[in-house]
Amino acid sequence: MNIFDIKKELTLNTFSVDMIKSILEKEYSQPIQKINTMVKKGELIQLKKGIYTFSQDYRSHTLNLIATANMLYKPSYVSFEYALSFYGLIPERVYTITSASVSRNKDYETPLGRFSYKKVPLRAYPLGIEWKFDENDGGYMIATVEKALCDKIYSDKRVSNIKKDEILSYLEDDLRIDIDDLKNLDSKLIWKISMAYSSKILQSLASIIKRS
């Protein structure tokens, strides 16, 4: 069984060791040894223990870094700066794939780039998450633009002592958000998230957006 045979049965670009083992066990008595050989040959890339991806030459479609981030650390959803850039709310391109989790903070340096995970309160975690699906990557989760903004603000230490009349300046000057883009955000969702976070700053943000 070669790499192309495996690709026919394993359509995802990023996968767990159990997923590829179930395929290799049909032909190999020691599938882990075969996996290690494929890594050495450059056919597979090990992102962390138990998680692999096909190398670029063997991918049938573009790698979805959001789906990869979900798989690397569970439970998690992509949020913060990466999601804000993904939605075009902030102008900068973000190279670290940032995610939220209910587990402890964690960072992974991989051949694909840096994946960073920040802990958020369990009560706030499930609000404002979108589950997406496509045939290439299966299901994956990313914050709505509102949740990504709330996660970013809540986690930013610079905001801890900010006053209500300074919020817009923070959004415009620090995050470089076009204030006109705030008009499209869902103030009711931000309010729900603010209550889960018990954050007065986010409550003020919801009020500002509602009036805009």
N, C-alpha and C. Protein backbone atom coordinates (compact mmCIF):
# COMPACT_ATOMS: atom_id res chain seq x y z
N MET A 1 0.85 -1.20 0.00
CA MET A 1 0.00 0.00 0.00
C MET A 1 0.89 1.25 0.00
N ASN A 2 0.74 2.08 -1.03
CA ASN A 2 1.55 3.29 -1.09
C ASN A 2 0.72 4.50 -0.68
N ILE A 3 1.36 5.66 -0.76
CA ILE A 3 0.71 6.89 -0.31
C ILE A 3 -0.55 7.20 -1.10
N PHE A 4 -0.56 6.85 -2.37
CA PHE A 4 -1.72 7.14 -3.21
C PHE A 4 -2.90 6.22 -2.88
N ASP A 5 -2.60 4.98 -2.49
CA ASP A 5 -3.66 4.07 -2.04
C ASP A 5 -4.31 4.59 -0.77
N ILE A 6 -3.46 5.11 0.12
CA ILE A 6 -3.96 5.65 1.39
C ILE A 6 -4.82 6.88 1.13
N LYS A 7 -4.39 7.73 0.20
CA LYS A 7 -5.14 8.95 -0.11
C LYS A 7 -6.55 8.64 -0.61
N LYS A 8 -6.70 7.52 -1.30
CA LYS A 8 -8.01 7.16 -1.83
C LYS A 8 -9.00 6.86 -0.70
N GLU A 9 -8.48 6.33 0.41
CA GLU A 9 -9.34 5.96 1.53
C GLU A 9 -9.42 7.04 2.60
N LEU A 10 -8.39 7.88 2.68
CA LEU A 10 -8.34 8.92 3.71
C LEU A 10 -8.38 10.28 3.01
N THR A 11 -9.55 10.85 2.91
CA THR A 11 -9.73 12.08 2.13
C THR A 11 -9.32 13.34 2.88
N LEU A 12 -9.29 13.30 4.21
CA LEU A 12 -8.92 14.47 4.99
C LEU A 12 -7.43 14.75 4.87
N ASN A 13 -7.05 16.02 4.87
CA ASN A 13 -5.63 16.37 4.86
C ASN A 13 -4.98 16.16 6.22
N THR A 14 -5.71 16.43 7.29
CA THR A 14 -5.21 16.28 8.64
C THR A 14 -6.01 15.21 9.35
N PHE A 15 -5.34 14.32 10.07
CA PHE A 15 -6.02 13.14 10.61
C PHE A 15 -5.29 12.60 11.83
N SER A 16 -6.00 11.80 12.60
CA SER A 16 -5.42 11.20 13.80
C SER A 16 -4.71 9.90 13.45
N VAL A 17 -3.88 9.44 14.36
CA VAL A 17 -3.17 8.18 14.15
C VAL A 17 -4.15 7.02 14.03
N ASP A 18 -5.25 7.08 14.77
CA ASP A 18 -6.23 5.98 14.70
C ASP A 18 -6.89 5.91 13.33
N MET A 19 -7.08 7.06 12.70
CA MET A 19 -7.72 7.09 11.38
C MET A 19 -6.84 6.42 10.33
N ILE A 20 -5.55 6.71 10.34
CA ILE A 20 -4.67 6.10 9.35
C ILE A 20 -4.33 4.65 9.71
N LYS A 21 -4.30 4.37 11.01
CA LYS A 21 -4.04 2.98 11.44
C LYS A 21 -5.13 2.04 10.94
N SER A 22 -6.37 2.49 10.97
CA SER A 22 -7.47 1.64 10.54
C SER A 22 -7.35 1.23 9.08
N ILE A 23 -6.66 2.07 8.29
CA ILE A 23 -6.43 1.76 6.88
C ILE A 23 -5.22 0.84 6.73
N LEU A 24 -4.14 1.17 7.42
CA LEU A 24 -2.90 0.42 7.29
C LEU A 24 -3.00 -1.00 7.87
N GLU A 25 -3.86 -1.18 8.87
CA GLU A 25 -3.99 -2.50 9.51
C GLU A 25 -4.51 -3.56 8.55
N LYS A 26 -5.09 -3.13 7.44
CA LYS A 26 -5.57 -4.09 6.45
C LYS A 26 -4.40 -4.82 5.78
N GLU A 27 -3.23 -4.18 5.78
CA GLU A 27 -2.08 -4.73 5.06
C GLU A 27 -0.84 -4.91 5.93
N TYR A 28 -0.74 -4.12 7.01
CA TYR A 28 0.49 -4.14 7.82
C TYR A 28 0.19 -4.60 9.24
N SER A 29 1.06 -5.50 9.75
CA SER A 29 0.91 -5.97 11.12
C SER A 29 1.43 -4.94 12.12
N GLN A 30 2.30 -4.04 11.65
CA GLN A 30 2.85 -2.97 12.50
C GLN A 30 2.61 -1.62 11.81
N PRO A 31 1.39 -1.14 11.88
CA PRO A 31 1.06 0.11 11.17
C PRO A 31 1.84 1.33 11.66
N ILE A 32 2.19 1.37 12.94
CA ILE A 32 2.95 2.51 13.46
C ILE A 32 4.32 2.59 12.79
N GLN A 33 4.92 1.44 12.56
CA GLN A 33 6.21 1.42 11.88
C GLN A 33 6.08 1.96 10.46
N LYS A 34 5.00 1.62 9.79
CA LYS A 34 4.75 2.14 8.45
C LYS A 34 4.54 3.65 8.49
N ILE A 35 3.81 4.14 9.47
CA ILE A 35 3.60 5.58 9.62
C ILE A 35 4.93 6.30 9.81
N ASN A 36 5.78 5.75 10.68
CA ASN A 36 7.09 6.37 10.93
C ASN A 36 7.94 6.41 9.66
N THR A 37 7.83 5.36 8.86
CA THR A 37 8.57 5.32 7.59
C THR A 37 8.07 6.39 6.65
N MET A 38 6.75 6.59 6.61
CA MET A 38 6.17 7.60 5.73
C MET A 38 6.58 9.01 6.17
N VAL A 39 6.73 9.21 7.47
CA VAL A 39 7.20 10.50 7.97
C VAL A 39 8.64 10.74 7.53
N LYS A 40 9.47 9.73 7.68
CA LYS A 40 10.88 9.85 7.29
C LYS A 40 11.02 10.11 5.79
N LYS A 41 10.13 9.54 4.99
CA LYS A 41 10.19 9.72 3.54
C LYS A 41 9.61 11.06 3.10
N GLY A 42 9.00 11.78 4.04
CA GLY A 42 8.43 13.09 3.71
C GLY A 42 7.03 13.01 3.12
N GLU A 43 6.39 11.85 3.23
CA GLU A 43 5.03 11.71 2.72
C GLU A 43 4.01 12.24 3.73
N LEU A 44 4.32 12.07 5.01
CA LEU A 44 3.47 12.57 6.09
C LEU A 44 4.25 13.56 6.94
N ILE A 45 3.54 14.49 7.57
CA ILE A 45 4.12 15.43 8.53
C ILE A 45 3.45 15.19 9.87
N GLN A 46 4.25 14.98 10.91
CA GLN A 46 3.68 14.83 12.25
C GLN A 46 3.58 16.21 12.89
N LEU A 47 2.36 16.60 13.22
CA LEU A 47 2.13 17.91 13.83
C LEU A 47 2.31 17.87 15.34
N LYS A 48 1.89 16.77 15.93
CA LYS A 48 2.15 16.46 17.32
C LYS A 48 1.92 14.96 17.47
N LYS A 49 2.15 14.43 18.63
CA LYS A 49 1.96 13.00 18.83
C LYS A 49 0.50 12.63 18.54
N GLY A 50 0.32 11.75 17.55
CA GLY A 50 -1.02 11.27 17.23
C GLY A 50 -1.77 12.04 16.18
N ILE A 51 -1.19 13.15 15.67
CA ILE A 51 -1.85 13.96 14.65
C ILE A 51 -0.90 14.17 13.47
N TYR A 52 -1.40 13.88 12.28
CA TYR A 52 -0.57 13.95 11.07
C TYR A 52 -1.31 14.70 9.96
N THR A 53 -0.53 15.12 8.97
CA THR A 53 -1.09 15.66 7.75
C THR A 53 -0.26 15.17 6.57
N PHE A 54 -0.85 15.12 5.42
CA PHE A 54 -0.09 14.78 4.22
C PHE A 54 0.84 15.94 3.88
N SER A 55 2.04 15.63 3.39
CA SER A 55 2.93 16.69 2.93
C SER A 55 2.33 17.34 1.69
N GLN A 56 2.81 18.50 1.35
CA GLN A 56 2.18 19.31 0.31
C GLN A 56 2.05 18.58 -1.02
N ASP A 57 3.04 17.76 -1.36
CA ASP A 57 3.02 17.05 -2.65
C ASP A 57 1.88 16.05 -2.76
N TYR A 58 1.31 15.66 -1.62
CA TYR A 58 0.30 14.60 -1.63
C TYR A 58 -1.07 15.09 -1.19
N ARG A 59 -1.23 16.39 -1.06
CA ARG A 59 -2.54 16.93 -0.70
C ARG A 59 -3.38 17.09 -1.96
N SER A 60 -4.61 16.65 -1.86
CA SER A 60 -5.51 16.76 -3.01
C SER A 60 -6.24 18.09 -3.03
N HIS A 61 -6.13 18.85 -1.95
CA HIS A 61 -6.77 20.17 -1.88
C HIS A 61 -6.01 21.02 -0.87
N THR A 62 -6.28 22.31 -0.88
CA THR A 62 -5.59 23.24 0.00
C THR A 62 -5.85 22.90 1.46
N LEU A 63 -4.80 22.96 2.25
CA LEU A 63 -4.92 22.63 3.67
C LEU A 63 -5.77 23.68 4.39
N ASN A 64 -6.76 23.22 5.14
CA ASN A 64 -7.61 24.10 5.93
C ASN A 64 -7.02 24.22 7.33
N LEU A 65 -6.37 25.35 7.61
CA LEU A 65 -5.70 25.52 8.90
C LEU A 65 -6.69 25.63 10.06
N ILE A 66 -7.92 26.03 9.77
CA ILE A 66 -8.94 26.10 10.82
C ILE A 66 -9.32 24.70 11.28
N ALA A 67 -9.55 23.80 10.33
CA ALA A 67 -9.86 22.41 10.67
C ALA A 67 -8.67 21.76 11.36
N THR A 68 -7.47 22.09 10.91
CA THR A 68 -6.26 21.54 11.53
C THR A 68 -6.14 22.01 12.97
N ALA A 69 -6.41 23.28 13.22
CA ALA A 69 -6.35 23.82 14.58
C ALA A 69 -7.34 23.12 15.49
N ASN A 70 -8.54 22.86 15.00
CA ASN A 70 -9.55 22.15 15.78
C ASN A 70 -9.06 20.77 16.19
N MET A 71 -8.38 20.10 15.28
CA MET A 71 -7.94 18.73 15.53
C MET A 71 -6.73 18.66 16.46
N LEU A 72 -5.89 19.67 16.40
CA LEU A 72 -4.67 19.66 17.21
C LEU A 72 -4.95 19.70 18.71
N TYR A 73 -5.98 20.43 19.10
CA TYR A 73 -6.26 20.63 20.53
C TYR A 73 -7.77 20.68 20.72
N LYS A 74 -8.30 19.74 21.44
CA LYS A 74 -9.75 19.63 21.62
C LYS A 74 -10.13 19.77 23.09
N PRO A 75 -11.30 20.38 23.37
CA PRO A 75 -12.16 21.10 22.41
C PRO A 75 -11.60 22.49 22.14
N SER A 76 -11.81 22.99 20.95
CA SER A 76 -11.35 24.34 20.62
C SER A 76 -12.10 24.85 19.40
N TYR A 77 -12.07 26.15 19.22
CA TYR A 77 -12.58 26.78 18.00
C TYR A 77 -11.66 27.94 17.66
N VAL A 78 -11.46 28.22 16.40
CA VAL A 78 -10.58 29.31 15.98
C VAL A 78 -11.24 30.64 16.30
N SER A 79 -10.46 31.56 16.87
CA SER A 79 -11.01 32.84 17.33
C SER A 79 -9.90 33.88 17.39
N PHE A 80 -10.13 34.92 18.20
CA PHE A 80 -9.15 35.98 18.43
C PHE A 80 -8.68 36.60 17.10
N GLU A 81 -7.38 36.90 17.01
CA GLU A 81 -6.86 37.66 15.86
C GLU A 81 -7.03 36.92 14.53
N TYR A 82 -6.83 35.61 14.54
CA TYR A 82 -6.90 34.87 13.28
C TYR A 82 -8.31 34.95 12.69
N ALA A 83 -9.31 34.78 13.54
CA ALA A 83 -10.69 34.85 13.06
C ALA A 83 -11.04 36.27 12.62
N LEU A 84 -10.58 37.27 13.36
CA LEU A 84 -10.86 38.66 12.99
C LEU A 84 -10.24 39.00 11.63
N SER A 85 -9.05 38.48 11.38
CA SER A 85 -8.41 38.66 10.08
C SER A 85 -9.14 37.88 9.00
N PHE A 86 -9.57 36.68 9.33
CA PHE A 86 -10.31 35.83 8.40
C PHE A 86 -11.58 36.53 7.91
N TYR A 87 -12.26 37.24 8.81
CA TYR A 87 -13.49 37.96 8.47
C TYR A 87 -13.21 39.33 7.86
N GLY A 88 -11.97 39.77 7.90
CA GLY A 88 -11.63 41.07 7.35
C GLY A 88 -11.93 42.24 8.27
N LEU A 89 -12.16 41.95 9.56
CA LEU A 89 -12.46 43.05 10.50
C LEU A 89 -11.19 43.80 10.87
N ILE A 90 -10.06 43.13 10.90
CA ILE A 90 -8.78 43.80 11.10
C ILE A 90 -7.97 43.66 9.81
N PRO A 91 -7.17 44.66 9.47
CA PRO A 91 -6.49 44.65 8.17
C PRO A 91 -5.26 43.74 8.10
N GLU A 92 -4.61 43.48 9.24
CA GLU A 92 -3.37 42.73 9.21
C GLU A 92 -3.60 41.25 8.92
N ARG A 93 -2.66 40.66 8.20
CA ARG A 93 -2.67 39.22 8.03
C ARG A 93 -2.07 38.59 9.28
N VAL A 94 -2.73 37.59 9.82
CA VAL A 94 -2.29 36.95 11.07
C VAL A 94 -1.71 35.58 10.74
N TYR A 95 -0.49 35.34 11.19
CA TYR A 95 0.20 34.11 10.84
C TYR A 95 0.04 33.02 11.90
N THR A 96 -0.15 33.42 13.15
CA THR A 96 -0.42 32.43 14.19
C THR A 96 -1.90 32.10 14.17
N ILE A 97 -2.22 30.80 14.14
CA ILE A 97 -3.62 30.37 14.13
C ILE A 97 -4.08 30.35 15.58
N THR A 98 -4.91 31.31 15.95
CA THR A 98 -5.32 31.51 17.35
C THR A 98 -6.69 30.88 17.60
N SER A 99 -6.79 30.19 18.73
CA SER A 99 -8.02 29.48 19.07
C SER A 99 -8.37 29.67 20.54
N ALA A 100 -9.64 29.40 20.85
CA ALA A 100 -10.12 29.40 22.23
C ALA A 100 -10.40 27.97 22.66
N SER A 101 -10.21 27.72 23.95
CA SER A 101 -10.45 26.39 24.50
C SER A 101 -10.87 26.53 25.95
N VAL A 102 -11.48 25.49 26.50
CA VAL A 102 -11.79 25.48 27.93
C VAL A 102 -10.65 24.82 28.71
N SER A 103 -9.68 24.27 27.99
CA SER A 103 -8.51 23.68 28.64
C SER A 103 -7.44 24.74 28.83
N ARG A 104 -6.31 24.35 29.41
CA ARG A 104 -5.26 25.33 29.71
C ARG A 104 -4.64 25.89 28.44
N ASN A 105 -3.98 27.03 28.59
CA ASN A 105 -3.29 27.65 27.45
C ASN A 105 -2.26 26.69 26.87
N LYS A 106 -2.13 26.71 25.55
CA LYS A 106 -1.22 25.78 24.89
C LYS A 106 -0.75 26.37 23.58
N ASP A 107 0.52 26.11 23.23
CA ASP A 107 1.07 26.53 21.95
C ASP A 107 1.75 25.35 21.28
N TYR A 108 1.60 25.28 19.96
CA TYR A 108 2.27 24.25 19.17
C TYR A 108 3.05 24.93 18.05
N GLU A 109 4.34 24.63 17.98
CA GLU A 109 5.17 25.04 16.85
C GLU A 109 5.26 23.86 15.91
N THR A 110 4.73 24.00 14.71
CA THR A 110 4.67 22.90 13.77
C THR A 110 5.27 23.31 12.43
N PRO A 111 5.53 22.35 11.55
CA PRO A 111 6.01 22.70 10.20
C PRO A 111 5.00 23.55 9.41
N LEU A 112 3.75 23.56 9.85
CA LEU A 112 2.72 24.36 9.18
C LEU A 112 2.63 25.77 9.75
N GLY A 113 3.25 26.01 10.90
CA GLY A 113 3.16 27.30 11.55
C GLY A 113 2.83 27.14 13.03
N ARG A 114 2.55 28.25 13.67
CA ARG A 114 2.29 28.27 15.11
C ARG A 114 0.79 28.25 15.37
N PHE A 115 0.39 27.37 16.27
CA PHE A 115 -1.00 27.27 16.71
C PHE A 115 -1.05 27.63 18.19
N SER A 116 -1.88 28.61 18.54
CA SER A 116 -1.95 29.09 19.91
C SER A 116 -3.37 28.97 20.44
N TYR A 117 -3.50 28.50 21.69
CA TYR A 117 -4.80 28.27 22.31
C TYR A 117 -4.86 29.00 23.66
N LYS A 118 -5.93 29.76 23.85
CA LYS A 118 -6.13 30.49 25.10
C LYS A 118 -7.40 29.97 25.78
N LYS A 119 -7.31 29.86 27.08
CA LYS A 119 -8.46 29.38 27.85
C LYS A 119 -9.50 30.47 28.01
N VAL A 120 -10.77 30.12 27.78
CA VAL A 120 -11.88 31.03 28.03
C VAL A 120 -12.83 30.35 29.03
N PRO A 121 -13.61 31.13 29.76
CA PRO A 121 -14.52 30.53 30.75
C PRO A 121 -15.52 29.57 30.10
N LEU A 122 -15.81 28.49 30.79
CA LEU A 122 -16.71 27.48 30.27
C LEU A 122 -18.07 28.07 29.93
N ARG A 123 -18.53 29.02 30.73
CA ARG A 123 -19.85 29.61 30.52
C ARG A 123 -19.93 30.39 29.20
N ALA A 124 -18.80 30.97 28.80
CA ALA A 124 -18.77 31.76 27.57
C ALA A 124 -18.42 30.93 26.35
N TYR A 125 -17.82 29.78 26.57
CA TYR A 125 -17.27 28.98 25.46
C TYR A 125 -18.28 28.68 24.34
N PRO A 126 -19.48 28.16 24.63
CA PRO A 126 -20.34 27.70 23.54
C PRO A 126 -21.07 28.80 22.77
N LEU A 127 -21.02 30.03 23.24
CA LEU A 127 -21.75 31.11 22.59
C LEU A 127 -21.00 31.61 21.36
N GLY A 128 -21.73 31.84 20.27
CA GLY A 128 -21.14 32.49 19.11
C GLY A 128 -20.12 31.65 18.36
N ILE A 129 -20.38 30.35 18.24
CA ILE A 129 -19.51 29.47 17.47
C ILE A 129 -20.27 28.98 16.24
N GLU A 130 -19.61 29.01 15.10
CA GLU A 130 -20.20 28.49 13.88
C GLU A 130 -19.54 27.16 13.52
N TRP A 131 -20.37 26.17 13.22
CA TRP A 131 -19.89 24.87 12.77
C TRP A 131 -20.05 24.82 11.26
N LYS A 132 -18.93 24.61 10.57
CA LYS A 132 -18.95 24.57 9.11
C LYS A 132 -18.57 23.18 8.64
N PHE A 133 -18.97 22.85 7.43
CA PHE A 133 -18.67 21.52 6.89
C PHE A 133 -18.39 21.61 5.40
N ASP A 134 -17.37 20.87 4.98
CA ASP A 134 -17.18 20.64 3.55
C ASP A 134 -16.62 19.24 3.35
N GLU A 135 -16.72 18.76 2.14
CA GLU A 135 -16.34 17.38 1.86
C GLU A 135 -14.85 17.13 2.04
N ASN A 136 -14.06 18.15 1.90
CA ASN A 136 -12.61 17.98 2.00
C ASN A 136 -12.10 17.90 3.43
N ASP A 137 -12.69 18.67 4.31
CA ASP A 137 -12.17 18.80 5.67
C ASP A 137 -13.13 18.31 6.76
N GLY A 138 -14.33 17.91 6.38
CA GLY A 138 -15.29 17.51 7.38
C GLY A 138 -15.81 18.72 8.14
N GLY A 139 -16.17 18.53 9.40
CA GLY A 139 -16.69 19.63 10.20
C GLY A 139 -15.58 20.36 10.94
N TYR A 140 -15.72 21.68 11.08
CA TYR A 140 -14.76 22.46 11.85
C TYR A 140 -15.48 23.67 12.44
N MET A 141 -14.88 24.25 13.48
CA MET A 141 -15.54 25.32 14.21
C MET A 141 -14.70 26.60 14.25
N ILE A 142 -15.39 27.70 14.05
CA ILE A 142 -14.77 29.02 14.12
C ILE A 142 -15.74 29.97 14.80
N ALA A 143 -15.21 30.92 15.54
CA ALA A 143 -16.05 31.93 16.19
C ALA A 143 -16.73 32.81 15.16
N THR A 144 -17.92 33.28 15.47
CA THR A 144 -18.51 34.35 14.67
C THR A 144 -17.63 35.59 14.84
N VAL A 145 -17.80 36.56 13.98
CA VAL A 145 -16.99 37.76 14.10
C VAL A 145 -17.23 38.44 15.45
N GLU A 146 -18.48 38.38 15.94
CA GLU A 146 -18.80 38.98 17.25
C GLU A 146 -18.06 38.26 18.38
N LYS A 147 -18.06 36.92 18.33
CA LYS A 147 -17.41 36.17 19.40
C LYS A 147 -15.90 36.36 19.35
N ALA A 148 -15.34 36.38 18.14
CA ALA A 148 -13.90 36.59 18.00
C ALA A 148 -13.48 37.93 18.59
N LEU A 149 -14.29 38.96 18.34
CA LEU A 149 -13.99 40.29 18.88
C LEU A 149 -14.10 40.30 20.39
N CYS A 150 -15.14 39.67 20.92
CA CYS A 150 -15.31 39.59 22.38
C CYS A 150 -14.16 38.81 23.03
N ASP A 151 -13.78 37.70 22.42
CA ASP A 151 -12.67 36.91 22.96
C ASP A 151 -11.39 37.73 22.99
N LYS A 152 -11.14 38.47 21.90
CA LYS A 152 -9.94 39.29 21.82
C LYS A 152 -9.94 40.36 22.89
N ILE A 153 -11.04 41.08 23.01
CA ILE A 153 -11.11 42.18 23.99
C ILE A 153 -10.98 41.64 25.40
N TYR A 154 -11.68 40.54 25.70
CA TYR A 154 -11.65 39.98 27.06
C TYR A 154 -10.24 39.52 27.43
N SER A 155 -9.50 39.01 26.47
CA SER A 155 -8.18 38.45 26.76
C SER A 155 -7.06 39.49 26.72
N ASP A 156 -7.37 40.69 26.24
CA ASP A 156 -6.36 41.73 26.09
C ASP A 156 -6.16 42.47 27.42
N LYS A 157 -4.99 42.32 27.99
CA LYS A 157 -4.70 42.93 29.29
C LYS A 157 -4.75 44.45 29.23
N ARG A 158 -4.56 45.01 28.05
CA ARG A 158 -4.59 46.47 27.91
C ARG A 158 -5.97 47.04 28.16
N VAL A 159 -6.99 46.20 28.11
CA VAL A 159 -8.37 46.68 28.21
C VAL A 159 -8.88 46.67 29.65
N SER A 160 -8.13 46.09 30.55
CA SER A 160 -8.63 45.88 31.91
C SER A 160 -9.07 47.17 32.60
N ASN A 161 -8.39 48.26 32.34
CA ASN A 161 -8.73 49.53 33.01
C ASN A 161 -9.28 50.58 32.05
N ILE A 162 -9.71 50.13 30.89
CA ILE A 162 -10.19 51.09 29.89
C ILE A 162 -11.55 51.66 30.29
N LYS A 163 -11.79 52.91 29.96
CA LYS A 163 -13.06 53.56 30.26
C LYS A 163 -14.00 53.42 29.07
N LYS A 164 -15.29 53.60 29.34
CA LYS A 164 -16.30 53.41 28.29
C LYS A 164 -16.06 54.32 27.10
N ASP A 165 -15.67 55.58 27.37
CA ASP A 165 -15.49 56.52 26.26
C ASP A 165 -14.17 56.30 25.52
N GLU A 166 -13.39 55.30 25.96
CA GLU A 166 -12.13 54.99 25.29
C GLU A 166 -12.23 53.73 24.43
N ILE A 167 -13.38 53.07 24.44
CA ILE A 167 -13.54 51.80 23.73
C ILE A 167 -13.35 51.98 22.23
N LEU A 168 -14.00 53.00 21.66
CA LEU A 168 -13.89 53.20 20.22
C LEU A 168 -12.46 53.51 19.81
N SER A 169 -11.75 54.27 20.62
CA SER A 169 -10.35 54.58 20.31
C SER A 169 -9.51 53.32 20.34
N TYR A 170 -9.79 52.43 21.30
CA TYR A 170 -9.08 51.15 21.38
C TYR A 170 -9.33 50.32 20.13
N LEU A 171 -10.58 50.24 19.71
CA LEU A 171 -10.93 49.45 18.52
C LEU A 171 -10.27 50.02 17.27
N GLU A 172 -10.28 51.34 17.17
CA GLU A 172 -9.78 51.99 15.96
C GLU A 172 -8.26 52.08 15.94
N ASP A 173 -7.66 52.43 17.07
CA ASP A 173 -6.22 52.68 17.10
C ASP A 173 -5.40 51.43 17.41
N ASP A 174 -5.89 50.62 18.36
CA ASP A 174 -5.14 49.43 18.76
C ASP A 174 -5.41 48.24 17.85
N LEU A 175 -6.68 48.00 17.56
CA LEU A 175 -7.04 46.85 16.72
C LEU A 175 -7.14 47.23 15.24
N ARG A 176 -7.18 48.53 14.97
CA ARG A 176 -7.25 49.05 13.59
C ARG A 176 -8.52 48.58 12.88
N ILE A 177 -9.61 48.59 13.61
CA ILE A 177 -10.91 48.23 13.05
C ILE A 177 -11.56 49.48 12.46
N ASP A 178 -12.11 49.35 11.27
CA ASP A 178 -12.88 50.44 10.67
C ASP A 178 -14.21 50.53 11.44
N ILE A 179 -14.44 51.65 12.08
CA ILE A 179 -15.60 51.80 12.95
C ILE A 179 -16.91 51.56 12.18
N ASP A 180 -16.94 51.88 10.90
CA ASP A 180 -18.15 51.64 10.11
C ASP A 180 -18.50 50.15 10.04
N ASP A 181 -17.50 49.29 10.16
CA ASP A 181 -17.75 47.85 10.11
C ASP A 181 -18.49 47.34 11.35
N LEU A 182 -18.45 48.11 12.43
CA LEU A 182 -19.14 47.70 13.65
C LEU A 182 -20.65 47.70 13.48
N LYS A 183 -21.14 48.51 12.53
CA LYS A 183 -22.58 48.61 12.33
C LYS A 183 -23.19 47.29 11.90
N ASN A 184 -22.38 46.41 11.31
CA ASN A 184 -22.88 45.13 10.81
C ASN A 184 -22.89 44.04 11.87
N LEU A 185 -22.37 44.34 13.04
CA LEU A 185 -22.27 43.31 14.09
C LEU A 185 -23.59 43.18 14.85
N ASP A 186 -23.80 42.01 15.42
CA ASP A 186 -25.03 41.69 16.16
C ASP A 186 -24.85 42.09 17.62
N SER A 187 -25.46 43.20 17.99
CA SER A 187 -25.30 43.71 19.36
C SER A 187 -25.94 42.78 20.39
N LYS A 188 -27.01 42.09 20.00
CA LYS A 188 -27.67 41.16 20.94
C LYS A 188 -26.75 39.99 21.28
N LEU A 189 -26.04 39.48 20.28
CA LEU A 189 -25.12 38.38 20.53
C LEU A 189 -23.96 38.84 21.41
N ILE A 190 -23.46 40.03 21.13
CA ILE A 190 -22.36 40.56 21.95
C ILE A 190 -22.83 40.75 23.40
N TRP A 191 -24.07 41.17 23.56
CA TRP A 191 -24.61 41.34 24.92
C TRP A 191 -24.67 40.00 25.64
N LYS A 192 -25.12 38.96 24.97
CA LYS A 192 -25.18 37.63 25.59
C LYS A 192 -23.78 37.15 25.99
N ILE A 193 -22.83 37.38 25.09
CA ILE A 193 -21.46 36.97 25.38
C ILE A 193 -20.89 37.78 26.55
N SER A 194 -21.22 39.07 26.59
CA SER A 194 -20.73 39.93 27.67
C SER A 194 -21.24 39.47 29.02
N MET A 195 -22.47 38.98 29.06
CA MET A 195 -23.04 38.49 30.31
C MET A 195 -22.35 37.20 30.74
N ALA A 196 -22.04 36.34 29.77
CA ALA A 196 -21.34 35.09 30.09
C ALA A 196 -19.92 35.38 30.58
N TYR A 197 -19.32 36.42 30.06
CA TYR A 197 -17.98 36.82 30.48
C TYR A 197 -18.01 37.70 31.74
N SER A 198 -19.20 38.17 32.11
CA SER A 198 -19.34 39.13 33.22
C SER A 198 -18.43 40.33 32.99
N SER A 199 -18.47 40.85 31.76
CA SER A 199 -17.57 41.93 31.37
C SER A 199 -18.33 43.22 31.10
N LYS A 200 -18.05 44.25 31.87
CA LYS A 200 -18.68 45.54 31.67
C LYS A 200 -18.20 46.19 30.38
N ILE A 201 -16.95 45.93 30.01
CA ILE A 201 -16.41 46.48 28.77
C ILE A 201 -17.20 45.94 27.57
N LEU A 202 -17.45 44.65 27.58
CA LEU A 202 -18.21 44.05 26.48
C LEU A 202 -19.67 44.49 26.49
N GLN A 203 -20.21 44.72 27.68
CA GLN A 203 -21.57 45.25 27.76
C GLN A 203 -21.63 46.65 27.14
N SER A 204 -20.60 47.45 27.41
CA SER A 204 -20.54 48.78 26.81
C SER A 204 -20.38 48.69 25.30
N LEU A 205 -19.60 47.71 24.84
CA LEU A 205 -19.43 47.52 23.40
C LEU A 205 -20.76 47.20 22.75
N ALA A 206 -21.54 46.33 23.38
CA ALA A 206 -22.86 45.98 22.83
C ALA A 206 -23.75 47.21 22.74
N SER A 207 -23.71 48.06 23.73
CA SER A 207 -24.52 49.28 23.72
C SER A 207 -24.07 50.23 22.63
N ILE A 208 -22.77 50.35 22.43
CA ILE A 208 -22.23 51.23 21.38
C ILE A 208 -22.67 50.76 20.00
N ILE A 209 -22.59 49.45 19.78
CA ILE A 209 -22.95 48.89 18.48
C ILE A 209 -24.46 49.03 18.25
N LYS A 210 -25.24 48.86 19.29
CA LYS A 210 -26.69 48.98 19.16
C LYS A 210 -27.08 50.39 18.73
N ARG A 211 -26.34 51.38 19.19
CA ARG A 211 -26.65 52.77 18.85
C ARG A 211 -26.08 53.19 17.49
N SER A 212 -25.16 52.41 16.94
CA SER A 212 -24.49 52.83 15.70
C SER A 212 -25.36 52.59 14.48
